[in-house]
Amino acid sequence: MKRQRNRGRVVAAVLAAVCAAAALPGQARAAGPGVYAFDPDAKNVQGATTNVEASTLDEGVPYRSMIKPGEKLYYRVTLDDASAAYVSAVAVPGDSGEVAYGDGINVSLRETDDTSCGSERANFGSGEYARPIAAYVSRTIKEGGSTCQESGQYDVLVERESKDASNSEAWGLELRFLEEPRLRSGVAMPTDGPESWPSASAKPLTGKQQKRSGGAGYSEATSLENGRWQDTVAPGQTRFYRVPVDWGQQIHATAELSNSTGTSTEFVGNALTLSLDNPAQGHVSNATLSYSGGPASASLRPLPPVAYRNRFDSSTQVSTMRFAGWYYLSVSLSPKLKEFYGSEPIPFELAVQVKNKAEASPYEGDAGVFGVTDQDREVARKGKNAREAAQSGPMTVVAAAGIGTGSVLLLGLGVWTLLARRRAAVTPAPGSPAVGGHRPPRGR
């Protein structure tokens, strides 16, 4: 019995150590202001100043790069002649300096002869404070289209636009290249934008408020379902969340910043920014609020239900609501509040409503990131981020701890070696005296 207890203590100690290590990823959610959590699976890639030297981005793989003020960097992708394609860039300036109104990035997709397939620009707007901003460019297959329709290599050009007085340090870049699944054969899809859609604002939610902590990047975005979610955000910090929005569904979101507990009533314009990005990290919409120490709120403008035909609309807010999947919400607080209200995090509420019954997917086969599954809805209910949701099976704890396979094997071997030695110490060899000097009885 004593030997079993000792053995149990060894196993318990090892499991406790592993579990303690497993808690480490969760600490990233407590990252300080200005700290962005890049995708841990991102590969490093260097942008080229000439297109012929550009590195190729593989579909579905996250990448990490850098861009300096005024730089124009090339990357390359290989497209087929049937799939819609998307390349996104998240610019991460950090918190080391100010940014100007016009600062930002421009992302464009081009044929190798420099024919433009499209472009999109993202900047900091009237907020004028450093925070992660995202932009994407798309290639859509159009019947009768004359440019950017053929298979082959295409250039992705990322340009950083900075004013002379703005931050001169390099920004981080997080890049992704995605291809949309092919449509089901025999299904006729619309070729023009929606004529109308429900544009009324959602009624305020009245349910019980729940606490849920946001992540420090897209890969750490905390999953949400319909409800009132409470969190805190510090000056200069951005919190990330994600919400599953299926075909035919319409998302509404409101951020309400709490009153200050101090005595200051100084006015800070564009103190908080609420942003929405689509599953390909294309920017959809944002809303801002000003702050004077009292409660304040900002709501996203009503957006159309997710529909394939939205992509043909001239409005960016409509065209970006073109596919189902995880939509990303982020809440950023201006560092200017620190001067008048201190550096402590301020409580806020994020109210999320996804309306309408889900409709059938138009794709052939697995929709990948451009779809919503029952498992996604369960993940949203539990509040897991993408990395947590992907972990399953008996090795989940080890995977979450980020321990390498070799280390895990060594740890396991060490445990079992120790146990084997203890067993050997108390188990007599055949024909040898037993413990205590007594021989086992001879068989008759």
Protein backbone atom coordinates (compact mmCIF):
# COMPACT_ATOMS: atom_id res chain seq x y z
CA MET A 1 0.00 0.00 0.00
CA LYS A 2 2.85 2.38 0.87
CA ARG A 3 4.57 1.64 -2.45
CA GLN A 4 1.33 2.43 -4.31
CA ARG A 5 1.00 5.74 -2.47
CA ASN A 6 4.57 6.71 -3.36
CA ARG A 7 3.99 5.74 -6.96
CA GLY A 8 0.82 7.82 -6.99
CA ARG A 9 2.71 10.81 -5.61
CA VAL A 10 5.27 10.57 -8.43
CA VAL A 11 2.61 10.45 -11.12
CA ALA A 12 0.67 13.26 -9.45
CA ALA A 13 3.77 15.43 -9.27
CA VAL A 14 4.51 14.92 -12.96
CA LEU A 15 0.92 15.65 -13.96
CA ALA A 16 0.92 18.75 -11.78
CA ALA A 17 4.06 20.02 -13.50
CA VAL A 18 2.56 19.39 -16.94
CA CYS A 19 -0.73 21.02 -15.98
CA ALA A 20 1.14 24.03 -14.62
CA ALA A 21 2.93 24.38 -17.93
CA ALA A 22 -0.37 23.92 -19.75
CA ALA A 23 -1.67 27.09 -18.12
CA LEU A 24 1.00 29.20 -19.80
CA PRO A 25 -0.84 29.96 -23.08
CA GLY A 26 -3.70 31.50 -21.14
CA GLN A 27 -1.33 34.08 -19.72
CA ALA A 28 -1.01 35.61 -23.19
CA ARG A 29 -4.49 37.00 -22.71
CA ALA A 30 -3.10 39.19 -19.97
CA ALA A 31 -0.55 40.74 -22.33
CA GLY A 32 0.19 44.36 -21.60
CA PRO A 33 -0.91 47.32 -23.70
CA GLY A 34 0.55 47.41 -27.19
CA VAL A 35 1.54 43.72 -27.14
CA TYR A 36 0.15 41.81 -30.13
CA ALA A 37 0.05 38.00 -30.15
CA PHE A 38 1.21 36.85 -33.56
CA ASP A 39 0.00 33.44 -34.69
CA PRO A 40 2.42 30.98 -33.00
CA ASP A 41 2.42 28.88 -36.17
CA ALA A 42 3.42 31.82 -38.39
CA LYS A 43 6.46 31.33 -40.61
CA ASN A 44 8.95 34.15 -41.00
CA VAL A 45 9.08 35.62 -44.50
CA GLN A 46 10.97 38.61 -45.83
CA GLY A 47 9.33 40.93 -48.29
CA ALA A 48 11.27 41.74 -51.46
CA THR A 49 11.77 45.17 -52.96
CA THR A 50 11.62 43.64 -56.46
CA ASN A 51 8.80 41.37 -57.55
CA VAL A 52 11.03 38.76 -59.24
CA GLU A 53 12.69 38.09 -55.88
CA ALA A 54 9.41 37.74 -53.96
CA SER A 55 8.91 34.76 -51.64
CA THR A 56 5.88 32.56 -52.27
CA LEU A 57 3.07 32.41 -49.70
CA ASP A 58 1.38 29.04 -49.36
CA GLU A 59 -2.39 28.92 -49.07
CA GLY A 60 -3.71 28.58 -45.53
CA VAL A 61 -0.34 29.22 -43.85
CA PRO A 62 0.15 32.26 -41.57
CA TYR A 63 3.29 34.33 -42.11
CA ARG A 64 5.13 36.99 -40.15
CA SER A 65 7.12 39.81 -41.72
CA MET A 66 8.26 43.42 -41.14
CA ILE A 67 7.82 46.68 -43.04
CA LYS A 68 9.61 50.02 -42.61
CA PRO A 69 8.23 53.53 -43.28
CA GLY A 70 7.73 54.12 -46.99
CA GLU A 71 8.65 50.55 -47.95
CA LYS A 72 7.00 48.67 -50.80
CA LEU A 73 7.36 44.94 -50.32
CA TYR A 74 6.48 42.13 -52.72
CA TYR A 75 5.26 38.63 -51.94
CA ARG A 76 3.95 36.06 -54.40
CA VAL A 77 0.98 33.68 -54.58
CA THR A 78 -0.06 31.01 -57.08
CA LEU A 79 -3.73 31.09 -58.10
CA ASP A 80 -5.89 28.69 -60.10
CA ASP A 81 -8.50 29.79 -62.62
CA ALA A 82 -11.57 28.84 -60.61
CA SER A 83 -11.22 29.97 -56.99
CA ALA A 84 -11.76 33.34 -55.38
CA ALA A 85 -8.59 34.27 -53.49
CA TYR A 86 -7.79 36.57 -50.57
CA VAL A 87 -4.53 37.92 -49.16
CA SER A 88 -4.67 39.82 -45.88
CA ALA A 89 -2.09 41.89 -44.02
CA VAL A 90 -2.34 42.88 -40.37
CA ALA A 91 -0.09 45.83 -39.58
CA VAL A 92 1.20 45.85 -36.00
CA PRO A 93 2.88 49.17 -35.07
CA GLY A 94 3.23 48.43 -31.37
CA ASP A 95 3.09 51.24 -28.82
CA SER A 96 6.50 52.87 -29.31
CA GLY A 97 5.31 56.00 -31.08
CA GLU A 98 2.41 58.08 -32.38
CA VAL A 99 0.75 57.66 -35.74
CA ALA A 100 -0.84 60.28 -37.97
CA TYR A 101 -4.28 60.35 -39.57
CA GLY A 102 -3.06 59.09 -42.94
CA ASP A 103 -0.69 56.42 -41.66
CA GLY A 104 -1.50 52.89 -42.74
CA ILE A 105 -0.91 50.16 -45.29
CA ASN A 106 -2.10 49.48 -48.80
CA VAL A 107 -2.40 45.89 -50.05
CA SER A 108 -2.75 45.15 -53.76
CA LEU A 109 -2.84 42.03 -55.93
CA ARG A 110 -1.21 42.27 -59.35
CA GLU A 111 -0.43 40.17 -62.35
CA THR A 112 3.32 39.85 -62.91
CA ASP A 113 3.10 42.51 -65.66
CA ASP A 114 1.79 44.90 -62.93
CA THR A 115 -1.86 44.79 -64.05
CA SER A 116 -3.88 45.52 -60.91
CA CYS A 117 -6.46 42.99 -59.73
CA GLY A 118 -7.58 45.13 -56.80
CA SER A 119 -6.37 46.87 -53.67
CA GLU A 120 -7.47 47.93 -50.21
CA ARG A 121 -6.12 50.47 -47.76
CA ALA A 122 -6.27 50.49 -43.97
CA ASN A 123 -5.32 53.41 -41.74
CA PHE A 124 -5.74 54.56 -38.16
CA GLY A 125 -8.33 57.16 -39.03
CA SER A 126 -9.31 59.88 -36.64
CA GLY A 127 -8.18 57.80 -33.67
CA GLU A 128 -4.55 58.55 -34.49
CA TYR A 129 -3.13 56.00 -32.10
CA ALA A 130 -1.13 52.85 -32.78
CA ARG A 131 -3.10 49.61 -32.82
CA PRO A 132 -3.33 46.54 -35.09
CA ILE A 133 -5.15 47.30 -38.36
CA ALA A 134 -6.06 44.84 -41.11
CA ALA A 135 -6.62 45.05 -44.87
CA TYR A 136 -7.15 42.42 -47.53
CA VAL A 137 -7.26 42.20 -51.29
CA SER A 138 -9.35 39.72 -53.27
CA ARG A 139 -9.45 38.12 -56.70
CA THR A 140 -12.98 37.20 -57.77
CA ILE A 141 -13.71 34.97 -60.74
CA LYS A 142 -16.18 36.76 -62.98
CA GLU A 143 -17.98 35.44 -66.00
CA GLY A 144 -16.54 37.28 -68.98
CA GLY A 145 -13.76 38.81 -66.85
CA SER A 146 -10.69 39.93 -68.79
CA THR A 147 -8.05 40.49 -66.10
CA CYS A 148 -6.69 38.39 -63.24
CA GLN A 149 -8.77 35.37 -64.22
CA GLU A 150 -6.09 32.96 -65.38
CA SER A 151 -4.08 30.51 -63.30
CA GLY A 152 -0.47 31.33 -62.52
CA GLN A 153 1.70 33.50 -60.32
CA TYR A 154 0.51 36.84 -58.93
CA ASP A 155 2.29 39.54 -56.97
CA VAL A 156 1.11 40.82 -53.60
CA LEU A 157 2.35 44.35 -52.91
CA VAL A 158 2.22 45.73 -49.37
CA GLU A 159 2.98 49.46 -49.07
CA ARG A 160 3.42 51.36 -45.83
CA GLU A 161 2.25 54.94 -45.91
CA SER A 162 3.67 57.12 -43.11
CA LYS A 163 3.83 60.82 -42.44
CA ASP A 164 7.22 62.36 -41.69
CA ALA A 165 6.32 63.08 -38.07
CA SER A 166 4.88 59.64 -37.33
CA ASN A 167 6.55 56.55 -35.89
CA SER A 168 9.73 55.71 -37.81
CA GLU A 169 10.16 52.21 -36.43
CA ALA A 170 9.39 49.06 -38.42
CA TRP A 171 5.92 47.55 -38.09
CA GLY A 172 5.19 43.87 -37.78
CA LEU A 173 3.10 42.21 -40.49
CA GLU A 174 0.92 39.11 -40.23
CA LEU A 175 0.07 37.74 -43.68
CA ARG A 176 -2.43 35.13 -44.86
CA PHE A 177 -3.40 33.76 -48.26
CA LEU A 178 -6.74 31.94 -48.50
CA GLU A 179 -8.74 30.43 -51.35
CA GLU A 180 -12.51 30.21 -51.21
CA PRO A 181 -14.05 26.76 -51.79
CA ARG A 182 -15.63 26.10 -55.16
CA LEU A 183 -19.37 26.43 -55.58
CA ARG A 184 -21.60 23.41 -55.93
CA SER A 185 -22.02 22.38 -59.54
CA GLY A 186 -25.35 23.21 -61.10
CA VAL A 187 -26.14 25.96 -58.60
CA ALA A 188 -26.84 29.30 -60.24
CA MET A 189 -25.44 32.12 -58.10
CA PRO A 190 -26.38 35.80 -58.39
CA THR A 191 -24.01 38.12 -60.19
CA ASP A 192 -25.16 41.42 -58.72
CA GLY A 193 -25.36 42.93 -55.24
CA PRO A 194 -28.40 42.89 -52.94
CA GLU A 195 -31.19 45.33 -53.73
CA SER A 196 -32.21 45.71 -50.08
CA TRP A 197 -31.67 44.17 -46.67
CA PRO A 198 -32.87 44.72 -43.06
CA SER A 199 -31.13 47.85 -41.86
CA ALA A 200 -32.81 48.45 -38.50
CA SER A 201 -30.63 48.63 -35.40
CA ALA A 202 -30.88 45.77 -32.94
CA LYS A 203 -32.75 46.24 -29.68
CA PRO A 204 -30.52 46.35 -26.58
CA LEU A 205 -29.91 43.02 -24.88
CA THR A 206 -31.32 42.57 -21.39
CA GLY A 207 -29.87 39.19 -20.40
CA LYS A 208 -27.38 38.54 -17.62
CA GLN A 209 -23.89 39.92 -18.14
CA GLN A 210 -21.04 37.37 -18.21
CA LYS A 211 -17.27 37.79 -17.96
CA ARG A 212 -15.02 36.68 -20.80
CA SER A 213 -11.44 37.86 -21.39
CA GLY A 214 -10.37 38.80 -24.92
CA GLY A 215 -7.16 37.70 -26.62
CA ALA A 216 -4.17 39.73 -27.77
CA GLY A 217 -4.40 38.82 -31.47
CA TYR A 218 -6.51 37.11 -34.13
CA SER A 219 -5.11 33.69 -33.28
CA GLU A 220 -6.03 34.26 -29.62
CA ALA A 221 -9.45 35.80 -30.28
CA THR A 222 -11.91 34.61 -27.64
CA SER A 223 -15.06 32.98 -29.02
CA LEU A 224 -18.40 34.60 -28.21
CA GLU A 225 -22.04 33.76 -28.77
CA ASN A 226 -25.05 36.03 -28.35
CA GLY A 227 -24.90 37.85 -25.05
CA ARG A 228 -23.51 40.65 -22.91
CA TRP A 229 -19.82 40.08 -22.27
CA GLN A 230 -17.78 41.98 -19.69
CA ASP A 231 -14.03 42.55 -19.97
CA THR A 232 -11.43 45.25 -19.27
CA VAL A 233 -9.12 47.14 -21.63
CA ALA A 234 -6.15 49.32 -20.71
CA PRO A 235 -5.06 52.49 -22.54
CA GLY A 236 -3.10 51.44 -25.63
CA GLN A 237 -4.46 47.87 -25.55
CA THR A 238 -6.55 45.92 -28.07
CA ARG A 239 -8.78 42.98 -27.14
CA PHE A 240 -9.79 40.40 -29.81
CA TYR A 241 -12.93 38.24 -30.03
CA ARG A 242 -14.58 36.11 -32.70
CA VAL A 243 -18.21 35.26 -33.42
CA PRO A 244 -19.55 32.51 -35.73
CA VAL A 245 -21.84 34.06 -38.36
CA ASP A 246 -23.46 31.66 -40.82
CA TRP A 247 -25.04 32.21 -44.21
CA GLY A 248 -28.12 34.41 -43.98
CA GLN A 249 -27.22 35.64 -40.51
CA GLN A 250 -26.74 39.25 -39.46
CA ILE A 251 -24.34 40.45 -36.74
CA HIS A 252 -24.83 43.42 -34.43
CA ALA A 253 -22.29 44.62 -31.85
CA THR A 254 -22.07 47.40 -29.27
CA ALA A 255 -19.21 48.35 -26.94
CA GLU A 256 -20.04 50.26 -23.76
CA LEU A 257 -17.15 51.76 -21.80
CA SER A 258 -17.64 52.10 -18.04
CA ASN A 259 -17.39 55.31 -16.08
CA SER A 260 -14.08 56.24 -14.49
CA THR A 261 -13.77 55.88 -10.72
CA GLY A 262 -11.62 59.01 -10.56
CA THR A 263 -12.60 62.68 -10.58
CA SER A 264 -11.30 63.64 -14.04
CA THR A 265 -13.78 64.77 -16.68
CA GLU A 266 -11.25 65.54 -19.43
CA PHE A 267 -12.58 64.98 -22.95
CA VAL A 268 -10.76 62.42 -25.13
CA GLY A 269 -12.02 62.13 -28.69
CA ASN A 270 -12.17 58.71 -30.37
CA ALA A 271 -11.18 57.11 -27.08
CA LEU A 272 -12.39 53.63 -28.02
CA THR A 273 -12.57 51.89 -31.40
CA LEU A 274 -14.80 48.87 -32.04
CA SER A 275 -13.83 47.06 -35.27
CA LEU A 276 -15.24 44.13 -37.24
CA ASP A 277 -13.24 42.00 -39.69
CA ASN A 278 -14.44 39.07 -41.79
CA PRO A 279 -13.08 35.47 -41.76
CA ALA A 280 -10.36 36.41 -44.29
CA GLN A 281 -9.42 39.37 -42.04
CA GLY A 282 -10.86 41.89 -44.42
CA HIS A 283 -11.98 45.02 -42.60
CA VAL A 284 -15.77 45.40 -42.55
CA SER A 285 -16.67 48.31 -40.30
CA ASN A 286 -15.79 50.21 -37.13
CA ALA A 287 -17.32 52.58 -34.61
CA THR A 288 -15.73 55.00 -32.16
CA LEU A 289 -16.74 56.74 -28.96
CA SER A 290 -15.45 59.78 -27.09
CA TYR A 291 -14.89 59.74 -23.35
CA SER A 292 -15.25 62.26 -20.52
CA GLY A 293 -15.13 59.93 -17.55
CA GLY A 294 -18.78 58.89 -17.77
CA PRO A 295 -20.38 55.82 -19.42
CA ALA A 296 -20.20 55.89 -23.23
CA SER A 297 -21.11 53.46 -26.00
CA ALA A 298 -20.53 52.83 -29.71
CA SER A 299 -22.39 50.49 -32.05
CA LEU A 300 -21.50 49.13 -35.46
CA ARG A 301 -23.77 50.37 -38.21
CA PRO A 302 -26.34 47.75 -39.27
CA LEU A 303 -24.70 45.31 -41.69
CA PRO A 304 -26.35 43.04 -44.28
CA PRO A 305 -26.88 39.34 -43.63
CA VAL A 306 -24.07 37.14 -44.93
CA ALA A 307 -24.72 36.37 -48.60
CA TYR A 308 -22.68 35.32 -51.62
CA ARG A 309 -24.10 38.14 -53.71
CA ASN A 310 -22.79 40.80 -51.29
CA ARG A 311 -19.40 40.62 -53.02
CA PHE A 312 -20.81 42.36 -56.07
CA ASP A 313 -21.91 45.46 -54.12
CA SER A 314 -19.87 48.64 -54.48
CA SER A 315 -19.97 49.36 -50.73
CA THR A 316 -17.10 47.83 -48.74
CA GLN A 317 -19.33 47.29 -45.72
CA VAL A 318 -21.62 45.16 -47.87
CA SER A 319 -19.09 43.38 -50.07
CA THR A 320 -17.01 42.16 -47.12
CA MET A 321 -20.05 40.31 -45.69
CA ARG A 322 -19.63 37.77 -48.49
CA PHE A 323 -19.08 34.47 -46.69
CA ALA A 324 -19.80 32.64 -43.46
CA GLY A 325 -17.26 31.85 -40.77
CA TRP A 326 -15.67 33.42 -37.71
CA TYR A 327 -16.03 37.21 -37.75
CA TYR A 328 -13.53 39.10 -35.60
CA LEU A 329 -14.40 41.90 -33.19
CA SER A 330 -11.68 44.02 -31.60
CA VAL A 331 -11.86 46.70 -28.93
CA SER A 332 -9.00 49.25 -28.77
CA LEU A 333 -8.54 51.95 -26.15
CA SER A 334 -6.56 55.10 -26.89
CA PRO A 335 -3.31 55.53 -24.92
CA LYS A 336 -4.29 59.19 -24.48
CA LEU A 337 -6.61 58.15 -21.64
CA LYS A 338 -3.58 57.33 -19.51
CA GLU A 339 -2.81 61.03 -19.07
CA PHE A 340 -6.16 61.84 -17.50
CA TYR A 341 -7.55 58.54 -16.23
CA GLY A 342 -4.48 56.50 -15.35
CA SER A 343 -3.05 53.32 -16.79
CA GLU A 344 -5.38 50.87 -15.06
CA PRO A 345 -7.74 48.84 -17.30
CA ILE A 346 -11.28 50.18 -17.63
CA PRO A 347 -14.26 47.78 -17.59
CA PHE A 348 -16.41 47.59 -20.70
CA GLU A 349 -19.28 45.52 -22.03
CA LEU A 350 -19.41 43.98 -25.50
CA ALA A 351 -22.96 43.12 -26.54
CA VAL A 352 -23.22 40.67 -29.46
CA GLN A 353 -26.30 39.62 -31.39
CA VAL A 354 -26.39 37.25 -34.36
CA LYS A 355 -29.86 37.09 -35.88
CA ASN A 356 -31.69 34.88 -38.39
CA LYS A 357 -31.69 31.15 -39.02
CA ALA A 358 -28.61 29.74 -40.74
CA GLU A 359 -28.95 28.95 -44.45
CA ALA A 360 -27.28 26.23 -46.53
CA SER A 361 -23.68 26.67 -47.69
CA PRO A 362 -23.22 27.21 -51.46
CA TYR A 363 -19.88 25.39 -51.50
CA GLU A 364 -18.96 21.96 -52.72
CA GLY A 365 -17.58 19.88 -49.86
CA ASP A 366 -15.89 21.21 -46.74
CA ALA A 367 -16.16 25.00 -46.39
CA GLY A 368 -13.10 25.27 -44.13
CA VAL A 369 -12.76 28.74 -42.58
CA PHE A 370 -15.64 29.96 -44.76
CA GLY A 371 -18.30 28.04 -42.89
CA VAL A 372 -19.84 27.50 -39.45
CA THR A 373 -20.23 24.06 -37.90
CA ASP A 374 -22.05 22.78 -34.82
CA GLN A 375 -18.63 22.38 -33.24
CA ASP A 376 -17.93 26.08 -33.87
CA ARG A 377 -21.12 27.01 -32.07
CA GLU A 378 -20.12 24.80 -29.15
CA VAL A 379 -16.70 26.45 -29.07
CA ALA A 380 -18.41 29.85 -28.97
CA ARG A 381 -20.57 28.69 -26.10
CA LYS A 382 -17.51 27.60 -24.12
CA GLY A 383 -15.47 30.70 -24.97
CA LYS A 384 -12.41 28.95 -26.42
CA ASN A 385 -10.01 30.53 -28.88
CA ALA A 386 -8.89 28.76 -32.08
CA ARG A 387 -5.83 27.15 -30.54
CA GLU A 388 -7.74 25.86 -27.52
CA ALA A 389 -10.49 24.51 -29.74
CA ALA A 390 -8.01 22.61 -31.92
CA GLN A 391 -6.60 20.72 -28.94
CA SER A 392 -8.24 17.37 -28.32
CA GLY A 393 -7.39 13.82 -27.23
CA PRO A 394 -5.30 12.49 -24.32
CA MET A 395 -2.30 14.70 -25.19
CA THR A 396 -4.26 17.95 -25.06
CA VAL A 397 -2.63 19.11 -21.84
CA VAL A 398 0.84 18.48 -23.21
CA ALA A 399 0.05 20.24 -26.48
CA ALA A 400 -1.36 23.23 -24.63
CA ALA A 401 1.78 23.47 -22.56
CA GLY A 402 3.82 23.86 -25.70
CA ILE A 403 6.21 21.11 -24.66
CA GLY A 404 8.10 19.54 -27.56
CA THR A 405 7.51 15.90 -28.44
CA GLY A 406 11.06 14.96 -27.42
CA SER A 407 10.62 16.59 -24.02
CA VAL A 408 7.34 14.78 -23.51
CA LEU A 409 8.92 11.44 -24.34
CA LEU A 410 11.85 12.09 -22.01
CA LEU A 411 9.47 13.10 -19.26
CA GLY A 412 7.40 9.95 -19.74
CA LEU A 413 10.44 7.71 -19.89
CA GLY A 414 11.81 9.29 -16.73
CA VAL A 415 8.58 8.63 -14.85
CA TRP A 416 8.31 5.02 -15.93
CA THR A 417 12.03 4.38 -15.35
CA LEU A 418 11.65 5.64 -11.81
CA LEU A 419 8.62 3.45 -11.23
CA ALA A 420 10.35 0.44 -12.76
CA ARG A 421 13.34 0.90 -10.44
CA ARG A 422 11.08 1.08 -7.44
CA ARG A 423 9.32 -2.10 -8.50
CA ALA A 424 12.68 -3.80 -9.07
CA ALA A 425 13.83 -2.80 -5.61
CA VAL A 426 10.95 -4.64 -3.95
CA THR A 427 10.42 -7.57 -6.33
CA PRO A 428 12.80 -10.54 -5.82
CA ALA A 429 14.43 -12.25 -8.76
CA PRO A 430 13.55 -15.92 -9.38
CA GLY A 431 15.27 -18.10 -6.79
CA SER A 432 16.45 -15.20 -4.63
CA PRO A 433 15.40 -14.44 -1.06
CA ALA A 434 12.28 -12.38 -0.71
CA VAL A 435 12.11 -9.05 1.10
CA GLY A 436 12.78 -9.50 4.82
CA GLY A 437 14.94 -12.64 4.30
CA HIS A 438 12.04 -15.06 3.79
CA ARG A 439 11.88 -17.36 0.82
CA PRO A 440 8.55 -17.83 -0.93
CA PRO A 441 7.02 -21.26 -0.30
CA ARG A 442 8.14 -23.99 -2.68
CA GLY A 443 5.55 -25.44 -4.93
CA ARG A 444 4.48 -28.98 -4.16
